[in-house]
Protein backbone atom coordinates (compact mmCIF):
# COMPACT_ATOMS: atom_id res chain seq x y z
CA UNK A 1 28.80 8.70 -6.00
CA UNK A 2 31.75 9.87 -8.00
CA UNK A 3 34.74 7.75 -8.77
CA UNK A 4 38.32 8.48 -7.69
CA UNK A 5 40.03 11.44 -9.31
CA UNK A 6 42.67 10.61 -11.83
CA UNK A 7 46.18 11.43 -10.77
CA UNK A 8 47.36 12.91 -14.06
CA UNK A 9 45.82 15.00 -16.78
CA UNK A 10 44.41 13.33 -19.83
CA UNK A 11 45.04 14.81 -23.24
CA UNK A 12 46.70 14.08 -26.52
CA UNK A 13 49.35 11.39 -26.12
CA UNK A 14 52.71 12.89 -25.26
CA UNK A 15 54.52 10.80 -27.92
CA UNK A 16 52.38 12.59 -30.50
CA UNK A 17 53.81 15.95 -29.38
CA UNK A 18 57.33 14.52 -29.52
CA UNK A 19 56.79 13.23 -33.06
CA UNK A 20 55.39 16.59 -34.15
CA UNK A 21 58.37 18.46 -32.73
CA UNK A 22 60.77 15.98 -34.33
CA UNK A 23 59.15 16.38 -37.77
CA UNK A 24 59.28 20.17 -37.50
CA UNK A 25 62.93 20.03 -36.46
CA UNK A 26 63.76 17.82 -39.45
CA UNK A 27 62.03 20.25 -41.80
CA UNK A 28 63.92 23.20 -40.37
CA UNK A 29 67.23 21.34 -40.55
CA UNK A 30 66.53 20.45 -44.16
CA UNK A 31 65.85 24.09 -44.89
CA UNK A 32 69.13 25.13 -43.30
CA UNK A 33 71.19 22.59 -45.21
CA UNK A 34 74.10 23.89 -47.30
CA UNK A 35 73.71 21.23 -49.96
CA UNK A 36 73.00 22.74 -53.38
CA UNK A 37 70.13 20.38 -54.01
CA UNK A 38 68.49 21.07 -50.64
CA UNK A 39 65.63 23.45 -50.07
CA UNK A 40 66.90 26.77 -48.72
CA UNK A 41 64.60 28.23 -46.10
CA UNK A 42 64.35 32.00 -46.52
CA UNK A 43 64.57 33.19 -42.93
CA UNK A 44 64.46 36.92 -43.81
CA UNK A 45 61.16 36.46 -45.67
CA UNK A 46 59.66 34.49 -42.79
CA UNK A 47 60.75 36.94 -40.09
CA UNK A 48 59.74 39.93 -42.18
CA UNK A 49 56.22 38.48 -42.54
CA UNK A 50 55.97 38.13 -38.75
CA UNK A 51 57.88 41.07 -37.27
CA UNK A 52 57.65 43.56 -40.14
CA UNK A 53 54.35 42.85 -41.91
CA UNK A 54 53.53 45.05 -44.87
CA UNK A 55 50.23 46.83 -45.40
CA UNK A 56 48.71 43.82 -47.19
CA UNK A 57 49.28 41.53 -44.21
CA UNK A 58 48.04 44.20 -41.79
CA UNK A 59 44.88 44.70 -43.85
CA UNK A 60 44.26 40.95 -44.01
CA UNK A 61 44.78 40.67 -40.26
CA UNK A 62 42.33 43.49 -39.49
CA UNK A 63 39.76 42.05 -41.90
CA UNK A 64 40.02 38.59 -40.34
CA UNK A 65 39.41 39.93 -36.83
CA UNK A 66 36.59 42.25 -37.99
CA UNK A 67 34.76 39.50 -39.88
CA UNK A 68 35.15 37.14 -36.92
CA UNK A 69 33.66 39.62 -34.46
CA UNK A 70 30.77 40.59 -36.75
CA UNK A 71 29.91 36.99 -37.68
CA UNK A 72 30.15 35.80 -34.06
CA UNK A 73 27.85 38.63 -32.91
CA UNK A 74 25.27 37.62 -35.50
CA UNK A 75 25.66 33.98 -34.50
CA UNK A 76 25.10 34.72 -30.80
CA UNK A 77 21.92 36.71 -31.50
CA UNK A 78 20.57 34.06 -33.85
CA UNK A 79 21.59 31.33 -31.42
CA UNK A 80 19.61 32.90 -28.58
CA UNK A 81 16.48 33.22 -30.71
CA UNK A 82 16.91 29.72 -32.15
CA UNK A 83 17.41 28.23 -28.68
CA UNK A 84 14.28 29.95 -27.38
CA UNK A 85 12.47 28.81 -30.52
CA UNK A 86 13.47 25.19 -29.97
CA UNK A 87 12.10 25.43 -26.43
CA UNK A 88 8.91 27.24 -27.47
CA UNK A 89 5.51 25.67 -26.88
CA UNK A 90 4.30 27.09 -30.20
CA UNK A 91 4.70 24.29 -32.75
CA UNK A 92 5.44 26.41 -35.89
CA UNK A 93 8.16 28.37 -34.04
CA UNK A 94 9.71 25.18 -32.67
CA UNK A 95 9.54 23.56 -36.11
CA UNK A 96 11.18 26.55 -37.81
CA UNK A 97 14.00 26.69 -35.25
CA UNK A 98 14.67 22.95 -35.55
CA UNK A 99 14.76 23.12 -39.36
CA UNK A 100 17.17 26.07 -39.24
CA UNK A 101 19.56 24.24 -36.91
CA UNK A 102 19.20 21.03 -38.92
CA UNK A 103 20.09 22.68 -42.24
CA UNK A 104 23.04 24.78 -41.12
CA UNK A 105 24.57 22.09 -38.92
CA UNK A 106 24.05 19.41 -41.55
CA UNK A 107 25.63 21.08 -44.59
CA UNK A 108 29.28 22.08 -45.13
CA UNK A 109 30.11 25.70 -44.42
CA UNK A 110 32.03 26.04 -47.67
CA UNK A 111 28.89 25.01 -49.58
CA UNK A 112 26.87 27.61 -47.68
CA UNK A 113 29.42 30.29 -48.57
CA UNK A 114 29.38 29.67 -52.30
CA UNK A 115 25.59 29.21 -52.30
CA UNK A 116 24.86 32.54 -50.63
CA UNK A 117 27.41 34.50 -52.67
CA UNK A 118 27.36 32.91 -56.12
CA UNK A 119 24.01 31.10 -55.96
CA UNK A 120 21.88 34.02 -54.82
CA UNK A 121 23.63 36.33 -57.28
CA UNK A 122 23.13 34.10 -60.33
CA UNK A 123 19.50 33.45 -59.38
CA UNK A 124 18.96 37.24 -59.21
CA UNK A 125 17.70 36.89 -55.63
CA UNK A 126 20.36 39.18 -54.18
CA UNK A 127 23.49 40.40 -55.92
CA UNK A 128 25.46 41.59 -52.87
CA UNK A 129 26.23 45.16 -54.02
CA UNK A 130 28.96 47.05 -52.20
CA UNK A 131 27.67 48.80 -49.09
CA UNK A 132 28.95 52.31 -48.33
CA UNK A 133 28.67 53.63 -44.78
CA UNK A 134 30.28 57.06 -44.61
CA UNK A 135 33.95 56.67 -45.60
CA UNK A 136 33.75 52.88 -45.25
CA UNK A 137 32.88 50.61 -48.19
CA UNK A 138 32.04 46.97 -47.47
CA UNK A 139 32.47 44.72 -50.49
CA UNK A 140 29.68 42.33 -51.42
CA UNK A 141 31.87 39.27 -50.88
CA UNK A 142 32.63 40.41 -47.32
CA UNK A 143 28.93 40.94 -46.64
CA UNK A 144 28.10 37.47 -47.95
CA UNK A 145 30.91 35.94 -45.89
CA UNK A 146 29.75 37.56 -42.66
CA UNK A 147 26.14 36.60 -43.40
CA UNK A 148 26.96 32.95 -44.11
CA UNK A 149 29.35 32.62 -41.16
CA UNK A 150 26.79 34.21 -38.86
CA UNK A 151 23.97 31.92 -39.98
CA UNK A 152 26.18 28.87 -39.61
CA UNK A 153 27.41 29.95 -36.18
CA UNK A 154 23.86 30.64 -35.01
CA UNK A 155 22.93 27.00 -35.53
CA UNK A 156 25.76 25.86 -33.26
CA UNK A 157 25.17 28.61 -30.70
CA UNK A 158 21.52 27.53 -30.49
CA UNK A 159 22.49 24.24 -28.90
CA UNK A 160 25.01 25.95 -26.62
CA UNK A 161 22.46 28.51 -25.41
CA UNK A 162 19.77 25.87 -25.00
CA UNK A 163 22.11 23.73 -22.89
CA UNK A 164 22.96 26.76 -20.76
CA UNK A 165 19.29 27.55 -20.16
CA UNK A 166 18.46 23.94 -19.29
CA UNK A 167 21.34 23.94 -16.79
CA UNK A 168 19.52 26.55 -14.67
CA UNK A 169 17.18 25.26 -11.96
CA UNK A 170 13.57 25.56 -13.24
CA UNK A 171 12.70 26.96 -9.82
CA UNK A 172 14.40 30.21 -10.88
CA UNK A 173 11.78 30.77 -13.57
CA UNK A 174 8.97 29.75 -11.24
CA UNK A 175 10.17 32.20 -8.58
CA UNK A 176 10.39 35.01 -11.12
CA UNK A 177 6.87 34.28 -12.34
CA UNK A 178 5.65 34.26 -8.73
CA UNK A 179 7.01 37.79 -8.39
CA UNK A 180 4.85 38.88 -11.31
CA UNK A 181 7.43 38.81 -14.11
CA UNK A 182 6.37 37.85 -17.61
CA UNK A 183 8.12 34.81 -19.14
CA UNK A 184 10.17 37.08 -21.42
CA UNK A 185 11.23 39.39 -18.62
CA UNK A 186 12.11 36.46 -16.36
CA UNK A 187 14.19 34.94 -19.13
CA UNK A 188 16.06 38.21 -19.78
CA UNK A 189 16.67 39.21 -16.17
CA UNK A 190 16.86 35.94 -14.25
CA UNK A 191 17.61 32.90 -16.41
CA UNK A 192 19.93 34.20 -19.17
CA UNK A 193 22.31 36.07 -16.81
CA UNK A 194 22.79 32.86 -14.80
CA UNK A 195 23.07 30.77 -17.95
CA UNK A 196 25.85 33.06 -19.18
CA UNK A 197 28.30 31.31 -16.83
CA UNK A 198 27.56 28.06 -18.65
CA UNK A 199 27.41 29.60 -22.13
CA UNK A 200 30.57 31.74 -22.07
CA UNK A 201 33.21 28.93 -22.09
CA UNK A 202 31.87 27.16 -25.21
CA UNK A 203 31.10 30.56 -26.75
CA UNK A 204 34.76 31.46 -26.33
CA UNK A 205 35.76 28.23 -28.01
CA UNK A 206 33.38 29.00 -30.88
CA UNK A 207 35.02 32.41 -31.41
CA UNK A 208 38.43 30.76 -31.36
CA UNK A 209 37.19 28.51 -34.15
CA UNK A 210 35.63 31.47 -35.98
CA UNK A 211 39.02 33.19 -36.21
CA UNK A 212 40.35 30.18 -38.12
CA UNK A 213 37.20 29.53 -40.14
CA UNK A 214 37.47 32.94 -41.84
CA UNK A 215 40.19 31.37 -43.99
CA UNK A 216 37.42 29.63 -45.95
CA UNK A 217 36.30 33.00 -47.33
CA UNK A 218 39.04 32.78 -49.93
CA UNK A 219 36.59 30.72 -52.05
CA UNK A 220 34.42 33.82 -52.59
CA UNK A 221 37.33 36.21 -53.11
CA UNK A 222 37.63 37.82 -49.68
CA UNK A 223 41.25 38.87 -49.12
CA UNK A 224 41.54 38.04 -45.44
CA UNK A 225 44.69 36.81 -43.72
CA UNK A 226 44.98 33.43 -45.45
CA UNK A 227 44.15 34.85 -48.89
CA UNK A 228 46.80 37.53 -48.39
CA UNK A 229 49.51 34.95 -47.81
CA UNK A 230 48.13 32.81 -50.64
CA UNK A 231 48.53 35.73 -53.03
CA UNK A 232 52.03 36.46 -51.77
CA UNK A 233 53.23 32.90 -52.19
CA UNK A 234 51.80 32.92 -55.71
CA UNK A 235 53.99 35.91 -56.52
CA UNK A 236 57.22 34.63 -54.92
CA UNK A 237 56.48 30.88 -54.83
CA UNK A 238 57.78 30.50 -51.30
CA UNK A 239 54.89 28.45 -49.89
CA UNK A 240 56.85 26.93 -47.01
CA UNK A 241 57.96 30.22 -45.49
CA UNK A 242 54.77 32.18 -46.19
CA UNK A 243 52.24 29.53 -45.16
CA UNK A 244 54.29 28.92 -42.01
CA UNK A 245 54.15 32.64 -41.27
CA UNK A 246 50.39 32.57 -41.90
CA UNK A 247 50.04 29.72 -39.40
CA UNK A 248 52.04 31.71 -36.84
CA UNK A 249 49.70 34.69 -37.24
CA UNK A 250 46.61 32.53 -36.71
CA UNK A 251 48.29 30.89 -33.72
CA UNK A 252 49.00 34.34 -32.30
CA UNK A 253 45.37 35.41 -32.73
CA UNK A 254 43.98 32.31 -31.03
CA UNK A 255 46.55 32.54 -28.22
CA UNK A 256 45.64 36.16 -27.48
CA UNK A 257 41.97 35.18 -27.45
CA UNK A 258 42.84 32.34 -25.05
CA UNK A 259 44.11 34.91 -22.53
CA UNK A 260 41.01 37.07 -23.01
CA UNK A 261 38.69 34.09 -22.61
CA UNK A 262 40.43 33.02 -19.40
CA UNK A 263 40.03 36.53 -17.99
CA UNK A 264 36.33 36.66 -18.90
CA UNK A 265 35.65 33.27 -17.33
CA UNK A 266 37.51 34.33 -14.19
CA UNK A 267 35.37 37.46 -13.90
CA UNK A 268 32.15 35.49 -14.32
CA UNK A 269 33.26 32.91 -11.75
CA UNK A 270 33.68 35.49 -9.00
CA UNK A 271 31.29 35.00 -6.13
CA UNK A 272 30.12 31.57 -7.26
CA UNK A 273 30.48 28.53 -4.96
CA UNK A 274 33.71 26.66 -5.63
CA UNK A 275 35.09 29.40 -7.87
CA UNK A 276 38.42 29.41 -6.05
CA UNK A 277 38.91 25.67 -6.37
CA UNK A 278 37.39 25.19 -9.79
CA UNK A 279 38.47 28.03 -12.04
CA UNK A 280 38.23 26.01 -15.23
CA UNK A 281 41.02 24.70 -17.45
CA UNK A 282 44.39 26.38 -17.35
CA UNK A 283 45.66 28.38 -20.31
CA UNK A 284 48.07 25.54 -21.17
CA UNK A 285 45.19 23.05 -21.16
CA UNK A 286 43.08 25.41 -23.27
CA UNK A 287 45.81 25.94 -25.87
CA UNK A 288 46.84 22.29 -26.13
CA UNK A 289 43.38 20.77 -25.81
CA UNK A 290 44.20 18.97 -22.57
CA UNK A 291 41.63 17.86 -20.02
CA UNK A 292 41.64 18.53 -16.31
CA UNK A 293 42.49 15.99 -13.69
CA UNK A 294 38.93 14.79 -13.31
CA UNK A 295 38.84 13.85 -16.95
CA UNK A 296 36.17 16.41 -17.79
CA UNK A 297 37.18 18.57 -20.72
CA UNK A 298 35.97 21.85 -22.00
């Protein structure tokens, strides 16, 4: 028996938002001050970085999105195999999958990045040479970054996929087997398509996080969006304006993805019982990390 529904949404305390807005307002007012000793905020530089980005910013933006998509795709594939491995009845496969998840969830991503790029290169295991595909050349650092991000993401996706599979009634697999399907075929055609409705929301959140996590690639020399602004502020030494512009760009990317994720979830919810009354968290709740009225968050 469920308890009474809460009458108001639960999220971050509203005073916290008020304090954050107040601090930002104070910083902007300080930047606009006419006092000679005050910091002068360079509005033209900030607006130019947002509304008139140069080729460096555009290249960093494209690289950030490309790396995110490639790494997330690798993570999803590895996550599916790792989830199936953790549920396998074959002990060596289950052991290998558990060790993989244990290692990549238990060590910092930044350590994994420098290990795969610098460590493997120094040990002469793999030097990450540039890869040329037609007119496109992929630098070794970018390859290493995608590889490390994908491996790390796969460990987290494994638990998400496994939870999605376990959420499906076991009778679905039994019915498929009764119709003569092999376990693999039943998993591909019956279980995984139904589990997708459970997997997609946290998968979308993982991609949202991936967009921001690409900023860590600066440690191996990848000039993505954050590194681009880092280089620019080193040239002009305007860290306040340029890092703020960088934050706005990342906020824009994650906001756009929030709309796309909401649309995807809406499409998947069509035809399911209660879809009209339970369409998931609103875009405002998704962006601000709020919970729904029942107190169950995403």
